[in-house]
Amino acid sequence: METFDNKVYIDNDSKVGTILLKKEVESLERIIQTSVSKPAETDFVITCKAEPALVSTYNLACYDNAIILPEEN
């Protein structure tokens, strides 16, 4: 079992938003406000990516009906 010394939280206002996706755009950067439960000893980078298996969990938590885009998009 893994244990963690700290946790990262996403600011509630940053969770939901609209991003226009285009086929020709391979990556996109966006600022999302995050916080940690206690001060970090060093700088760190957070990377977010879509996890298809968690869409239903997101929908339950946010009372939403989000869908995952097909891989070819």
PDB file of N, CA and C in Angstrom:
ATOM      1  N   MET A   1       0.837  -1.171   0.000  1.00  0.00           N
ATOM      2  CA  MET A   1       0.000   0.000   0.000  1.00  0.00           C
ATOM      3  C   MET A   1       0.890   1.244   0.000  1.00  0.00           C
ATOM      4  N   GLU A   2       0.510   2.244  -0.828  1.00  0.00           N
ATOM      5  CA  GLU A   2       1.251   3.496  -0.862  1.00  0.00           C
ATOM      6  C   GLU A   2       0.739   4.440   0.219  1.00  0.00           C
ATOM      7  N   THR A   3       1.637   5.237   0.752  1.00  0.00           N
ATOM      8  CA  THR A   3       1.240   6.284   1.688  1.00  0.00           C
ATOM      9  C   THR A   3       1.728   7.613   1.137  1.00  0.00           C
ATOM     10  N   PHE A   4       1.058   8.681   1.510  1.00  0.00           N
ATOM     11  CA  PHE A   4       1.378   9.995   0.985  1.00  0.00           C
ATOM     12  C   PHE A   4       1.579  10.968   2.142  1.00  0.00           C
ATOM     13  N   ASP A   5       2.537  11.874   1.975  1.00  0.00           N
ATOM     14  CA  ASP A   5       2.817  12.871   2.996  1.00  0.00           C
ATOM     15  C   ASP A   5       1.986  14.131   2.831  1.00  0.00           C
ATOM     16  N   ASN A   6       1.381  14.310   1.646  1.00  0.00           N
ATOM     17  CA  ASN A   6       0.650  15.526   1.363  1.00  0.00           C
ATOM     18  C   ASN A   6      -0.426  15.225   0.330  1.00  0.00           C
ATOM     19  N   LYS A   7      -1.395  16.110   0.188  1.00  0.00           N
ATOM     20  CA  LYS A   7      -2.452  15.961  -0.806  1.00  0.00           C
ATOM     21  C   LYS A   7      -2.621  17.265  -1.561  1.00  0.00           C
ATOM     22  N   VAL A   8      -2.976  17.162  -2.842  1.00  0.00           N
ATOM     23  CA  VAL A   8      -3.241  18.324  -3.684  1.00  0.00           C
ATOM     24  C   VAL A   8      -4.741  18.424  -3.900  1.00  0.00           C
ATOM     25  N   TYR A   9      -5.287  19.623  -3.761  1.00  0.00           N
ATOM     26  CA  TYR A   9      -6.706  19.870  -3.962  1.00  0.00           C
ATOM     27  C   TYR A   9      -6.886  20.881  -5.085  1.00  0.00           C
ATOM     28  N   ILE A  10      -7.904  20.679  -5.903  1.00  0.00           N
ATOM     29  CA  ILE A  10      -8.232  21.628  -6.966  1.00  0.00           C
ATOM     30  C   ILE A  10      -9.285  22.586  -6.427  1.00  0.00           C
ATOM     31  N   ASP A  11      -9.071  23.875  -6.653  1.00  0.00           N
ATOM     32  CA  ASP A  11     -10.016  24.906  -6.241  1.00  0.00           C
ATOM     33  C   ASP A  11     -11.368  24.627  -6.906  1.00  0.00           C
ATOM     34  N   ASN A  12     -12.447  24.661  -6.140  1.00  0.00           N
ATOM     35  CA  ASN A  12     -13.783  24.341  -6.670  1.00  0.00           C
ATOM     36  C   ASN A  12     -14.169  25.170  -7.878  1.00  0.00           C
ATOM     37  N   ASP A  13     -13.762  26.429  -7.944  1.00  0.00           N
ATOM     38  CA  ASP A  13     -14.123  27.269  -9.074  1.00  0.00           C
ATOM     39  C   ASP A  13     -13.391  26.853 -10.348  1.00  0.00           C
ATOM     40  N   SER A  14     -12.298  26.134 -10.223  1.00  0.00           N
ATOM     41  CA  SER A  14     -11.502  25.732 -11.381  1.00  0.00           C
ATOM     42  C   SER A  14     -11.922  24.382 -11.954  1.00  0.00           C
ATOM     43  N   LYS A  15     -12.706  23.598 -11.234  1.00  0.00           N
ATOM     44  CA  LYS A  15     -13.034  22.236 -11.655  1.00  0.00           C
ATOM     45  C   LYS A  15     -13.806  22.171 -12.957  1.00  0.00           C
ATOM     46  N   VAL A  16     -14.813  23.007 -13.074  1.00  0.00           N
ATOM     47  CA  VAL A  16     -15.709  22.907 -14.219  1.00  0.00           C
ATOM     48  C   VAL A  16     -15.508  24.117 -15.112  1.00  0.00           C
ATOM     49  N   GLY A  17     -15.370  23.852 -16.384  1.00  0.00           N
ATOM     50  CA  GLY A  17     -15.223  24.920 -17.352  1.00  0.00           C
ATOM     51  C   GLY A  17     -15.403  24.340 -18.737  1.00  0.00           C
ATOM     52  N   THR A  18     -15.337  25.194 -19.734  1.00  0.00           N
ATOM     53  CA  THR A  18     -15.480  24.755 -21.107  1.00  0.00           C
ATOM     54  C   THR A  18     -14.166  24.944 -21.829  1.00  0.00           C
ATOM     55  N   ILE A  19     -13.727  23.913 -22.509  1.00  0.00           N
ATOM     56  CA  ILE A  19     -12.521  23.983 -23.325  1.00  0.00           C
ATOM     57  C   ILE A  19     -12.906  23.528 -24.723  1.00  0.00           C
ATOM     58  N   LEU A  20     -12.653  24.373 -25.716  1.00  0.00           N
ATOM     59  CA  LEU A  20     -12.946  24.028 -27.102  1.00  0.00           C
ATOM     60  C   LEU A  20     -11.826  23.141 -27.628  1.00  0.00           C
ATOM     61  N   LEU A  21     -12.153  21.920 -28.003  1.00  0.00           N
ATOM     62  CA  LEU A  21     -11.164  20.968 -28.496  1.00  0.00           C
ATOM     63  C   LEU A  21     -11.208  20.912 -30.014  1.00  0.00           C
ATOM     64  N   LYS A  22     -10.025  20.946 -30.627  1.00  0.00           N
ATOM     65  CA  LYS A  22      -9.924  20.848 -32.085  1.00  0.00           C
ATOM     66  C   LYS A  22      -8.974  19.719 -32.430  1.00  0.00           C
ATOM     67  N   LYS A  23      -9.270  18.992 -33.515  1.00  0.00           N
ATOM     68  CA  LYS A  23      -8.452  17.847 -33.922  1.00  0.00           C
ATOM     69  C   LYS A  23      -6.984  18.214 -34.105  1.00  0.00           C
ATOM     70  N   GLU A  24      -6.720  19.382 -34.665  1.00  0.00           N
ATOM     71  CA  GLU A  24      -5.342  19.753 -34.985  1.00  0.00           C
ATOM     72  C   GLU A  24      -4.529  20.222 -33.765  1.00  0.00           C
ATOM     73  N   VAL A  25      -5.166  20.401 -32.623  1.00  0.00           N
ATOM     74  CA  VAL A  25      -4.484  20.822 -31.402  1.00  0.00           C
ATOM     75  C   VAL A  25      -4.153  19.577 -30.578  1.00  0.00           C
ATOM     76  N   GLU A  26      -2.851  19.275 -30.450  1.00  0.00           N
ATOM     77  CA  GLU A  26      -2.430  18.064 -29.749  1.00  0.00           C
ATOM     78  C   GLU A  26      -2.330  18.246 -28.246  1.00  0.00           C
ATOM     79  N   SER A  27      -2.116  19.460 -27.786  1.00  0.00           N
ATOM     80  CA  SER A  27      -2.037  19.705 -26.350  1.00  0.00           C
ATOM     81  C   SER A  27      -2.590  21.089 -26.041  1.00  0.00           C
ATOM     82  N   LEU A  28      -2.918  21.284 -24.784  1.00  0.00           N
ATOM     83  CA  LEU A  28      -3.518  22.534 -24.359  1.00  0.00           C
ATOM     84  C   LEU A  28      -3.066  22.824 -22.939  1.00  0.00           C
ATOM     85  N   GLU A  29      -2.721  24.061 -22.673  1.00  0.00           N
ATOM     86  CA  GLU A  29      -2.342  24.452 -21.321  1.00  0.00           C
ATOM     87  C   GLU A  29      -3.423  25.337 -20.740  1.00  0.00           C
ATOM     88  N   ARG A  30      -3.663  25.153 -19.452  1.00  0.00           N
ATOM     89  CA  ARG A  30      -4.660  25.954 -18.754  1.00  0.00           C
ATOM     90  C   ARG A  30      -4.228  26.069 -17.301  1.00  0.00           C
ATOM     91  N   ILE A  31      -4.463  27.192 -16.694  1.00  0.00           N
ATOM     92  CA  ILE A  31      -4.127  27.375 -15.287  1.00  0.00           C
ATOM     93  C   ILE A  31      -5.312  26.926 -14.441  1.00  0.00           C
ATOM     94  N   ILE A  32      -5.054  26.005 -13.538  1.00  0.00           N
ATOM     95  CA  ILE A  32      -6.058  25.522 -12.596  1.00  0.00           C
ATOM     96  C   ILE A  32      -5.490  25.731 -11.206  1.00  0.00           C
ATOM     97  N   GLN A  33      -6.192  26.495 -10.392  1.00  0.00           N
ATOM     98  CA  GLN A  33      -5.719  26.808  -9.046  1.00  0.00           C
ATOM     99  C   GLN A  33      -5.758  25.564  -8.170  1.00  0.00           C
ATOM    100  N   THR A  34      -4.628  25.231  -7.568  1.00  0.00           N
ATOM    101  CA  THR A  34      -4.556  24.073  -6.672  1.00  0.00           C
ATOM    102  C   THR A  34      -3.984  24.500  -5.326  1.00  0.00           C
ATOM    103  N   SER A  35      -4.218  23.680  -4.331  1.00  0.00           N
ATOM    104  CA  SER A  35      -3.683  23.905  -2.991  1.00  0.00           C
ATOM    105  C   SER A  35      -3.184  22.581  -2.438  1.00  0.00           C
ATOM    106  N   VAL A  36      -2.279  22.653  -1.489  1.00  0.00           N
ATOM    107  CA  VAL A  36      -1.812  21.452  -0.800  1.00  0.00           C
ATOM    108  C   VAL A  36      -2.221  21.543   0.661  1.00  0.00           C
ATOM    109  N   SER A  37      -2.373  20.381   1.281  1.00  0.00           N
ATOM    110  CA  SER A  37      -2.866  20.369   2.662  1.00  0.00           C
ATOM    111  C   SER A  37      -1.848  20.910   3.661  1.00  0.00           C
ATOM    112  N   LYS A  38      -0.573  20.796   3.344  1.00  0.00           N
ATOM    113  CA  LYS A  38       0.451  21.387   4.204  1.00  0.00           C
ATOM    114  C   LYS A  38       1.574  21.919   3.310  1.00  0.00           C
ATOM    115  N   PRO A  39       2.380  22.868   3.784  1.00  0.00           N
ATOM    116  CA  PRO A  39       3.420  23.452   2.940  1.00  0.00           C
ATOM    117  C   PRO A  39       4.348  22.387   2.346  1.00  0.00           C
ATOM    118  N   ALA A  40       4.658  22.560   1.062  1.00  0.00           N
ATOM    119  CA  ALA A  40       5.556  21.618   0.382  1.00  0.00           C
ATOM    120  C   ALA A  40       6.998  22.056   0.595  1.00  0.00           C
ATOM    121  N   GLU A  41       7.881  21.087   0.720  1.00  0.00           N
ATOM    122  CA  GLU A  41       9.298  21.389   0.943  1.00  0.00           C
ATOM    123  C   GLU A  41      10.005  21.796  -0.344  1.00  0.00           C
ATOM    124  N   THR A  42       9.474  21.363  -1.502  1.00  0.00           N
ATOM    125  CA  THR A  42      10.075  21.705  -2.796  1.00  0.00           C
ATOM    126  C   THR A  42       8.966  22.039  -3.780  1.00  0.00           C
ATOM    127  N   ASP A  43       9.333  22.689  -4.887  1.00  0.00           N
ATOM    128  CA  ASP A  43       8.381  22.947  -5.960  1.00  0.00           C
ATOM    129  C   ASP A  43       8.012  21.625  -6.622  1.00  0.00           C
ATOM    130  N   PHE A  44       6.827  21.553  -7.201  1.00  0.00           N
ATOM    131  CA  PHE A  44       6.407  20.347  -7.903  1.00  0.00           C
ATOM    132  C   PHE A  44       5.490  20.732  -9.048  1.00  0.00           C
ATOM    133  N   VAL A  45       5.325  19.822  -9.993  1.00  0.00           N
ATOM    134  CA  VAL A  45       4.482  20.032 -11.165  1.00  0.00           C
ATOM    135  C   VAL A  45       3.314  19.060 -11.098  1.00  0.00           C
ATOM    136  N   ILE A  46       2.129  19.553 -11.410  1.00  0.00           N
ATOM    137  CA  ILE A  46       0.931  18.714 -11.441  1.00  0.00           C
ATOM    138  C   ILE A  46       0.521  18.556 -12.891  1.00  0.00           C
ATOM    139  N   THR A  47       0.290  17.334 -13.321  1.00  0.00           N
ATOM    140  CA  THR A  47      -0.167  17.047 -14.682  1.00  0.00           C
ATOM    141  C   THR A  47      -1.555  16.428 -14.598  1.00  0.00           C
ATOM    142  N   CYS A  48      -2.491  16.974 -15.363  1.00  0.00           N
ATOM    143  CA  CYS A  48      -3.854  16.442 -15.399  1.00  0.00           C
ATOM    144  C   CYS A  48      -4.095  15.790 -16.750  1.00  0.00           C
ATOM    145  N   LYS A  49      -4.787  14.677 -16.734  1.00  0.00           N
ATOM    146  CA  LYS A  49      -5.174  14.023 -17.986  1.00  0.00           C
ATOM    147  C   LYS A  49      -6.518  13.348 -17.784  1.00  0.00           C
ATOM    148  N   ALA A  50      -7.196  13.127 -18.882  1.00  0.00           N
ATOM    149  CA  ALA A  50      -8.504  12.468 -18.819  1.00  0.00           C
ATOM    150  C   ALA A  50      -8.318  10.994 -18.487  1.00  0.00           C
ATOM    151  N   GLU A  51      -9.129  10.500 -17.580  1.00  0.00           N
ATOM    152  CA  GLU A  51      -9.118   9.081 -17.218  1.00  0.00           C
ATOM    153  C   GLU A  51     -10.517   8.536 -17.485  1.00  0.00           C
ATOM    154  N   PRO A  52     -10.698   7.871 -18.639  1.00  0.00           N
ATOM    155  CA  PRO A  52     -12.037   7.407 -19.023  1.00  0.00           C
ATOM    156  C   PRO A  52     -12.759   6.607 -17.947  1.00  0.00           C
ATOM    157  N   ALA A  53     -12.053   5.832 -17.167  1.00  0.00           N
ATOM    158  CA  ALA A  53     -12.692   5.000 -16.144  1.00  0.00           C
ATOM    159  C   ALA A  53     -13.315   5.828 -15.021  1.00  0.00           C
ATOM    160  N   LEU A  54     -12.956   7.103 -14.914  1.00  0.00           N
ATOM    161  CA  LEU A  54     -13.457   7.929 -13.812  1.00  0.00           C
ATOM    162  C   LEU A  54     -14.581   8.891 -14.210  1.00  0.00           C
ATOM    163  N   VAL A  55     -15.043   8.811 -15.459  1.00  0.00           N
ATOM    164  CA  VAL A  55     -16.105   9.720 -15.903  1.00  0.00           C
ATOM    165  C   VAL A  55     -17.371   9.535 -15.067  1.00  0.00           C
ATOM    166  N   SER A  56     -17.756   8.301 -14.781  1.00  0.00           N
ATOM    167  CA  SER A  56     -18.972   8.077 -13.987  1.00  0.00           C
ATOM    168  C   SER A  56     -18.796   8.603 -12.557  1.00  0.00           C
ATOM    169  N   THR A  57     -17.593   8.486 -12.002  1.00  0.00           N
ATOM    170  CA  THR A  57     -17.323   9.033 -10.664  1.00  0.00           C
ATOM    171  C   THR A  57     -17.461  10.551 -10.678  1.00  0.00           C
ATOM    172  N   TYR A  58     -16.911  11.188 -11.718  1.00  0.00           N
ATOM    173  CA  TYR A  58     -17.042  12.640 -11.867  1.00  0.00           C
ATOM    174  C   TYR A  58     -18.514  13.031 -11.961  1.00  0.00           C
ATOM    175  N   ASN A  59     -19.268  12.319 -12.808  1.00  0.00           N
ATOM    176  CA  ASN A  59     -20.680  12.648 -12.986  1.00  0.00           C
ATOM    177  C   ASN A  59     -21.454  12.543 -11.679  1.00  0.00           C
ATOM    178  N   LEU A  60     -21.170  11.540 -10.867  1.00  0.00           N
ATOM    179  CA  LEU A  60     -21.836  11.399  -9.572  1.00  0.00           C
ATOM    180  C   LEU A  60     -21.451  12.540  -8.626  1.00  0.00           C
ATOM    181  N   ALA A  61     -20.173  12.877  -8.587  1.00  0.00           N
ATOM    182  CA  ALA A  61     -19.689  13.914  -7.663  1.00  0.00           C
ATOM    183  C   ALA A  61     -20.168  15.304  -8.052  1.00  0.00           C
ATOM    184  N   CYS A  62     -20.266  15.568  -9.358  1.00  0.00           N
ATOM    185  CA  CYS A  62     -20.613  16.916  -9.837  1.00  0.00           C
ATOM    186  C   CYS A  62     -22.036  17.008 -10.367  1.00  0.00           C
ATOM    187  N   TYR A  63     -22.827  15.948 -10.200  1.00  0.00           N
ATOM    188  CA  TYR A  63     -24.209  15.925 -10.712  1.00  0.00           C
ATOM    189  C   TYR A  63     -24.231  16.333 -12.177  1.00  0.00           C
ATOM    190  N   ASP A  64     -23.360  15.721 -12.969  1.00  0.00           N
ATOM    191  CA  ASP A  64     -23.189  16.090 -14.372  1.00  0.00           C
ATOM    192  C   ASP A  64     -23.468  14.883 -15.260  1.00  0.00           C
ATOM    193  N   ASN A  65     -23.386  15.089 -16.545  1.00  0.00           N
ATOM    194  CA  ASN A  65     -23.588  14.020 -17.519  1.00  0.00           C
ATOM    195  C   ASN A  65     -22.470  14.085 -18.559  1.00  0.00           C
ATOM    196  N   ALA A  66     -21.235  14.241 -18.107  1.00  0.00           N
ATOM    197  CA  ALA A  66     -20.088  14.348 -19.016  1.00  0.00           C
ATOM    198  C   ALA A  66     -19.859  13.017 -19.727  1.00  0.00           C
ATOM    199  N   ILE A  67     -19.300  13.113 -20.938  1.00  0.00           N
ATOM    200  CA  ILE A  67     -18.927  11.915 -21.685  1.00  0.00           C
ATOM    201  C   ILE A  67     -17.470  12.053 -22.106  1.00  0.00           C
ATOM    202  N   ILE A  68     -16.785  10.922 -22.287  1.00  0.00           N
ATOM    203  CA  ILE A  68     -15.406  10.944 -22.733  1.00  0.00           C
ATOM    204  C   ILE A  68     -15.398  10.961 -24.263  1.00  0.00           C
ATOM    205  N   LEU A  69     -14.528  11.765 -24.845  1.00  0.00           N
ATOM    206  CA  LEU A  69     -14.419  11.801 -26.298  1.00  0.00           C
ATOM    207  C   LEU A  69     -13.735  10.554 -26.807  1.00  0.00           C
ATOM    208  N   PRO A  70     -14.112  10.088 -27.997  1.00  0.00           N
ATOM    209  CA  PRO A  70     -13.428   8.918 -28.579  1.00  0.00           C
ATOM    210  C   PRO A  70     -11.954   9.214 -28.808  1.00  0.00           C
ATOM    211  N   GLU A  71     -11.113   8.186 -28.738  1.00  0.00           N
ATOM    212  CA  GLU A  71      -9.669   8.336 -28.915  1.00  0.00           C
ATOM    213  C   GLU A  71      -9.311   9.058 -30.219  1.00  0.00           C
ATOM    214  N   GLU A  72     -10.052   8.761 -31.302  1.00  0.00           N
ATOM    215  CA  GLU A  72      -9.717   9.350 -32.606  1.00  0.00           C
ATOM    216  C   GLU A  72      -9.973  10.845 -32.685  1.00  0.00           C
ATOM    217  N   ASN A  73     -10.662  11.407 -31.684  1.00  0.00           N
ATOM    218  CA  ASN A  73     -10.889  12.850 -31.668  1.00  0.00           C
ATOM    219  C   ASN A  73      -9.767  13.515 -30.931  1.00  0.00           C
TER     220      ASN A  73
END
